[in-house]
Amino acid sequence: MKHWIASFIKNPKTVWVTRVIYYYLILMGLFILYLVGKQHTPPPFIYNGF
């Protein structure tokens, strides 16, 4: 299994696929952190007015 992953990563045709998956996971992680951080912060002053 490890040999297959190594050959998959080193293959020029699949390098962009692994890169896209890698960046997609990073963006998803940042998005989840953003959503979690947004929930803990109090709402803006406009919403407090109602």
PDB file of N, CA and C in Angstrom:
ATOM      1  N   MET A   1       0.830  -1.204   0.000  1.00  0.00           N
ATOM      2  CA  MET A   1       0.000   0.000   0.000  1.00  0.00           C
ATOM      3  C   MET A   1       0.870   1.261   0.000  1.00  0.00           C
ATOM      4  N   LYS A   2       1.920   1.246   0.813  1.00  0.00           N
ATOM      5  CA  LYS A   2       2.799   2.420   0.862  1.00  0.00           C
ATOM      6  C   LYS A   2       3.496   2.638  -0.478  1.00  0.00           C
ATOM      7  N   HIS A   3       3.879   1.533  -1.129  1.00  0.00           N
ATOM      8  CA  HIS A   3       4.538   1.645  -2.436  1.00  0.00           C
ATOM      9  C   HIS A   3       3.594   2.284  -3.453  1.00  0.00           C
ATOM     10  N   TRP A   4       2.309   1.925  -3.389  1.00  0.00           N
ATOM     11  CA  TRP A   4       1.327   2.493  -4.318  1.00  0.00           C
ATOM     12  C   TRP A   4       1.159   3.990  -4.073  1.00  0.00           C
ATOM     13  N   ILE A   5       1.122   4.387  -2.790  1.00  0.00           N
ATOM     14  CA  ILE A   5       0.972   5.813  -2.462  1.00  0.00           C
ATOM     15  C   ILE A   5       2.203   6.586  -2.936  1.00  0.00           C
ATOM     16  N   ALA A   6       3.394   6.013  -2.712  1.00  0.00           N
ATOM     17  CA  ALA A   6       4.630   6.685  -3.119  1.00  0.00           C
ATOM     18  C   ALA A   6       4.676   6.869  -4.631  1.00  0.00           C
ATOM     19  N   SER A   7       4.306   5.827  -5.381  1.00  0.00           N
ATOM     20  CA  SER A   7       4.308   5.937  -6.842  1.00  0.00           C
ATOM     21  C   SER A   7       3.229   6.908  -7.309  1.00  0.00           C
ATOM     22  N   PHE A   8       2.115   6.972  -6.569  1.00  0.00           N
ATOM     23  CA  PHE A   8       1.041   7.892  -6.934  1.00  0.00           C
ATOM     24  C   PHE A   8       1.476   9.339  -6.734  1.00  0.00           C
ATOM     25  N   ILE A   9       2.182   9.606  -5.623  1.00  0.00           N
ATOM     26  CA  ILE A   9       2.624  10.976  -5.332  1.00  0.00           C
ATOM     27  C   ILE A   9       3.717  11.406  -6.309  1.00  0.00           C
ATOM     28  N   LYS A  10       4.632  10.476  -6.648  1.00  0.00           N
ATOM     29  CA  LYS A  10       5.757  10.831  -7.521  1.00  0.00           C
ATOM     30  C   LYS A  10       5.364  10.909  -8.991  1.00  0.00           C
ATOM     31  N   ASN A  11       4.215  10.373  -9.353  1.00  0.00           N
ATOM     32  CA  ASN A  11       3.786  10.393 -10.749  1.00  0.00           C
ATOM     33  C   ASN A  11       3.440  11.829 -11.153  1.00  0.00           C
ATOM     34  N   PRO A  12       4.043  12.384 -12.219  1.00  0.00           N
ATOM     35  CA  PRO A  12       3.764  13.776 -12.612  1.00  0.00           C
ATOM     36  C   PRO A  12       2.292  14.023 -12.917  1.00  0.00           C
ATOM     37  N   LYS A  13       1.598  12.999 -13.424  1.00  0.00           N
ATOM     38  CA  LYS A  13       0.186  13.190 -13.767  1.00  0.00           C
ATOM     39  C   LYS A  13      -0.688  13.352 -12.524  1.00  0.00           C
ATOM     40  N   THR A  14      -0.276  12.759 -11.423  1.00  0.00           N
ATOM     41  CA  THR A  14      -1.097  12.784 -10.212  1.00  0.00           C
ATOM     42  C   THR A  14      -0.613  13.810  -9.190  1.00  0.00           C
ATOM     43  N   VAL A  15       0.492  14.508  -9.503  1.00  0.00           N
ATOM     44  CA  VAL A  15       1.006  15.511  -8.560  1.00  0.00           C
ATOM     45  C   VAL A  15      -0.025  16.607  -8.341  1.00  0.00           C
ATOM     46  N   TRP A  16      -0.666  17.068  -9.416  1.00  0.00           N
ATOM     47  CA  TRP A  16      -1.648  18.154  -9.265  1.00  0.00           C
ATOM     48  C   TRP A  16      -2.870  17.669  -8.500  1.00  0.00           C
ATOM     49  N   VAL A  17      -3.207  16.377  -8.628  1.00  0.00           N
ATOM     50  CA  VAL A  17      -4.354  15.840  -7.883  1.00  0.00           C
ATOM     51  C   VAL A  17      -4.078  15.880  -6.386  1.00  0.00           C
ATOM     52  N   THR A  18      -2.881  15.413  -5.994  1.00  0.00           N
ATOM     53  CA  THR A  18      -2.531  15.432  -4.577  1.00  0.00           C
ATOM     54  C   THR A  18      -2.433  16.863  -4.064  1.00  0.00           C
ATOM     55  N   ARG A  19      -1.957  17.771  -4.916  1.00  0.00           N
ATOM     56  CA  ARG A  19      -1.847  19.172  -4.517  1.00  0.00           C
ATOM     57  C   ARG A  19      -3.225  19.772  -4.279  1.00  0.00           C
ATOM     58  N   VAL A  20      -4.178  19.482  -5.175  1.00  0.00           N
ATOM     59  CA  VAL A  20      -5.544  20.005  -5.035  1.00  0.00           C
ATOM     60  C   VAL A  20      -6.189  19.459  -3.761  1.00  0.00           C
ATOM     61  N   ILE A  21      -6.022  18.165  -3.506  1.00  0.00           N
ATOM     62  CA  ILE A  21      -6.589  17.565  -2.293  1.00  0.00           C
ATOM     63  C   ILE A  21      -5.960  18.200  -1.059  1.00  0.00           C
ATOM     64  N   TYR A  22      -4.635  18.426  -1.102  1.00  0.00           N
ATOM     65  CA  TYR A  22      -3.913  19.007   0.025  1.00  0.00           C
ATOM     66  C   TYR A  22      -4.431  20.407   0.337  1.00  0.00           C
ATOM     67  N   TYR A  23      -4.529  21.261  -0.689  1.00  0.00           N
ATOM     68  CA  TYR A  23      -5.020  22.622  -0.481  1.00  0.00           C
ATOM     69  C   TYR A  23      -6.488  22.627  -0.080  1.00  0.00           C
ATOM     70  N   TYR A  24      -7.275  21.681  -0.617  1.00  0.00           N
ATOM     71  CA  TYR A  24      -8.693  21.591  -0.270  1.00  0.00           C
ATOM     72  C   TYR A  24      -8.856  21.276   1.209  1.00  0.00           C
ATOM     73  N   LEU A  25      -8.037  20.350   1.723  1.00  0.00           N
ATOM     74  CA  LEU A  25      -8.107  20.008   3.146  1.00  0.00           C
ATOM     75  C   LEU A  25      -7.707  21.195   4.011  1.00  0.00           C
ATOM     76  N   ILE A  26      -6.683  21.953   3.597  1.00  0.00           N
ATOM     77  CA  ILE A  26      -6.251  23.134   4.352  1.00  0.00           C
ATOM     78  C   ILE A  26      -7.365  24.174   4.380  1.00  0.00           C
ATOM     79  N   LEU A  27      -7.987  24.423   3.220  1.00  0.00           N
ATOM     80  CA  LEU A  27      -9.067  25.407   3.154  1.00  0.00           C
ATOM     81  C   LEU A  27     -10.254  24.973   4.004  1.00  0.00           C
ATOM     82  N   MET A  28     -10.593  23.691   3.972  1.00  0.00           N
ATOM     83  CA  MET A  28     -11.696  23.197   4.794  1.00  0.00           C
ATOM     84  C   MET A  28     -11.392  23.379   6.279  1.00  0.00           C
ATOM     85  N   GLY A  29     -10.147  23.106   6.681  1.00  0.00           N
ATOM     86  CA  GLY A  29      -9.753  23.282   8.076  1.00  0.00           C
ATOM     87  C   GLY A  29      -9.849  24.736   8.507  1.00  0.00           C
ATOM     88  N   LEU A  30      -9.377  25.644   7.648  1.00  0.00           N
ATOM     89  CA  LEU A  30      -9.470  27.069   7.964  1.00  0.00           C
ATOM     90  C   LEU A  30     -10.916  27.522   8.027  1.00  0.00           C
ATOM     91  N   PHE A  31     -11.759  27.008   7.140  1.00  0.00           N
ATOM     92  CA  PHE A  31     -13.174  27.380   7.114  1.00  0.00           C
ATOM     93  C   PHE A  31     -13.878  26.910   8.381  1.00  0.00           C
ATOM     94  N   ILE A  32     -13.562  25.692   8.831  1.00  0.00           N
ATOM     95  CA  ILE A  32     -14.165  25.168  10.065  1.00  0.00           C
ATOM     96  C   ILE A  32     -13.699  26.000  11.259  1.00  0.00           C
ATOM     97  N   LEU A  33     -12.408  26.338  11.302  1.00  0.00           N
ATOM     98  CA  LEU A  33     -11.902  27.177  12.388  1.00  0.00           C
ATOM     99  C   LEU A  33     -12.584  28.536  12.380  1.00  0.00           C
ATOM    100  N   TYR A  34     -12.828  29.089  11.186  1.00  0.00           N
ATOM    101  CA  TYR A  34     -13.507  30.376  11.060  1.00  0.00           C
ATOM    102  C   TYR A  34     -14.934  30.286  11.590  1.00  0.00           C
ATOM    103  N   LEU A  35     -15.641  29.211  11.233  1.00  0.00           N
ATOM    104  CA  LEU A  35     -17.023  29.047  11.697  1.00  0.00           C
ATOM    105  C   LEU A  35     -17.070  28.865  13.206  1.00  0.00           C
ATOM    106  N   VAL A  36     -16.146  28.077  13.756  1.00  0.00           N
ATOM    107  CA  VAL A  36     -16.120  27.851  15.206  1.00  0.00           C
ATOM    108  C   VAL A  36     -15.795  29.156  15.933  1.00  0.00           C
ATOM    109  N   GLY A  37     -14.834  29.910  15.406  1.00  0.00           N
ATOM    110  CA  GLY A  37     -14.473  31.181  16.026  1.00  0.00           C
ATOM    111  C   GLY A  37     -15.602  32.191  15.944  1.00  0.00           C
ATOM    112  N   LYS A  38     -16.379  32.131  14.863  1.00  0.00           N
ATOM    113  CA  LYS A  38     -17.490  33.067  14.689  1.00  0.00           C
ATOM    114  C   LYS A  38     -18.604  32.784  15.694  1.00  0.00           C
ATOM    115  N   GLN A  39     -18.799  31.523  16.033  1.00  0.00           N
ATOM    116  CA  GLN A  39     -19.863  31.171  16.965  1.00  0.00           C
ATOM    117  C   GLN A  39     -19.561  31.678  18.373  1.00  0.00           C
ATOM    118  N   HIS A  40     -18.289  31.691  18.763  1.00  0.00           N
ATOM    119  CA  HIS A  40     -17.931  32.080  20.122  1.00  0.00           C
ATOM    120  C   HIS A  40     -17.899  33.596  20.299  1.00  0.00           C
ATOM    121  N   THR A  41     -17.738  34.329  19.231  1.00  0.00           N
ATOM    122  CA  THR A  41     -17.689  35.786  19.347  1.00  0.00           C
ATOM    123  C   THR A  41     -19.105  36.335  19.488  1.00  0.00           C
ATOM    124  N   PRO A  42     -19.302  37.395  20.272  1.00  0.00           N
ATOM    125  CA  PRO A  42     -20.641  37.987  20.404  1.00  0.00           C
ATOM    126  C   PRO A  42     -21.081  38.619  19.093  1.00  0.00           C
ATOM    127  N   PRO A  43     -22.387  38.707  18.846  1.00  0.00           N
ATOM    128  CA  PRO A  43     -22.872  39.308  17.604  1.00  0.00           C
ATOM    129  C   PRO A  43     -22.528  40.791  17.537  1.00  0.00           C
ATOM    130  N   PRO A  44     -22.477  41.359  16.348  1.00  0.00           N
ATOM    131  CA  PRO A  44     -22.156  42.784  16.201  1.00  0.00           C
ATOM    132  C   PRO A  44     -23.178  43.681  16.891  1.00  0.00           C
ATOM    133  N   PHE A  45     -22.849  44.946  16.984  1.00  0.00           N
ATOM    134  CA  PHE A  45     -23.683  45.923  17.693  1.00  0.00           C
ATOM    135  C   PHE A  45     -25.049  46.075  17.032  1.00  0.00           C
ATOM    136  N   ILE A  46     -25.112  45.893  15.709  1.00  0.00           N
ATOM    137  CA  ILE A  46     -26.384  46.071  14.992  1.00  0.00           C
ATOM    138  C   ILE A  46     -27.410  45.064  15.495  1.00  0.00           C
ATOM    139  N   TYR A  47     -26.976  43.804  15.700  1.00  0.00           N
ATOM    140  CA  TYR A  47     -27.910  42.766  16.142  1.00  0.00           C
ATOM    141  C   TYR A  47     -28.332  42.991  17.594  1.00  0.00           C
ATOM    142  N   ASN A  48     -27.464  43.601  18.392  1.00  0.00           N
ATOM    143  CA  ASN A  48     -27.812  43.861  19.788  1.00  0.00           C
ATOM    144  C   ASN A  48     -28.892  44.924  19.903  1.00  0.00           C
ATOM    145  N   GLY A  49     -29.047  45.753  18.862  1.00  0.00           N
ATOM    146  CA  GLY A  49     -30.039  46.825  18.912  1.00  0.00           C
ATOM    147  C   GLY A  49     -31.465  46.309  18.862  1.00  0.00           C
ATOM    148  N   PHE A  50     -31.672  45.128  18.252  1.00  0.00           N
ATOM    149  CA  PHE A  50     -33.038  44.616  18.117  1.00  0.00           C
ATOM    150  C   PHE A  50     -33.494  43.921  19.394  1.00  0.00           C
TER     151      PHE A  50
END
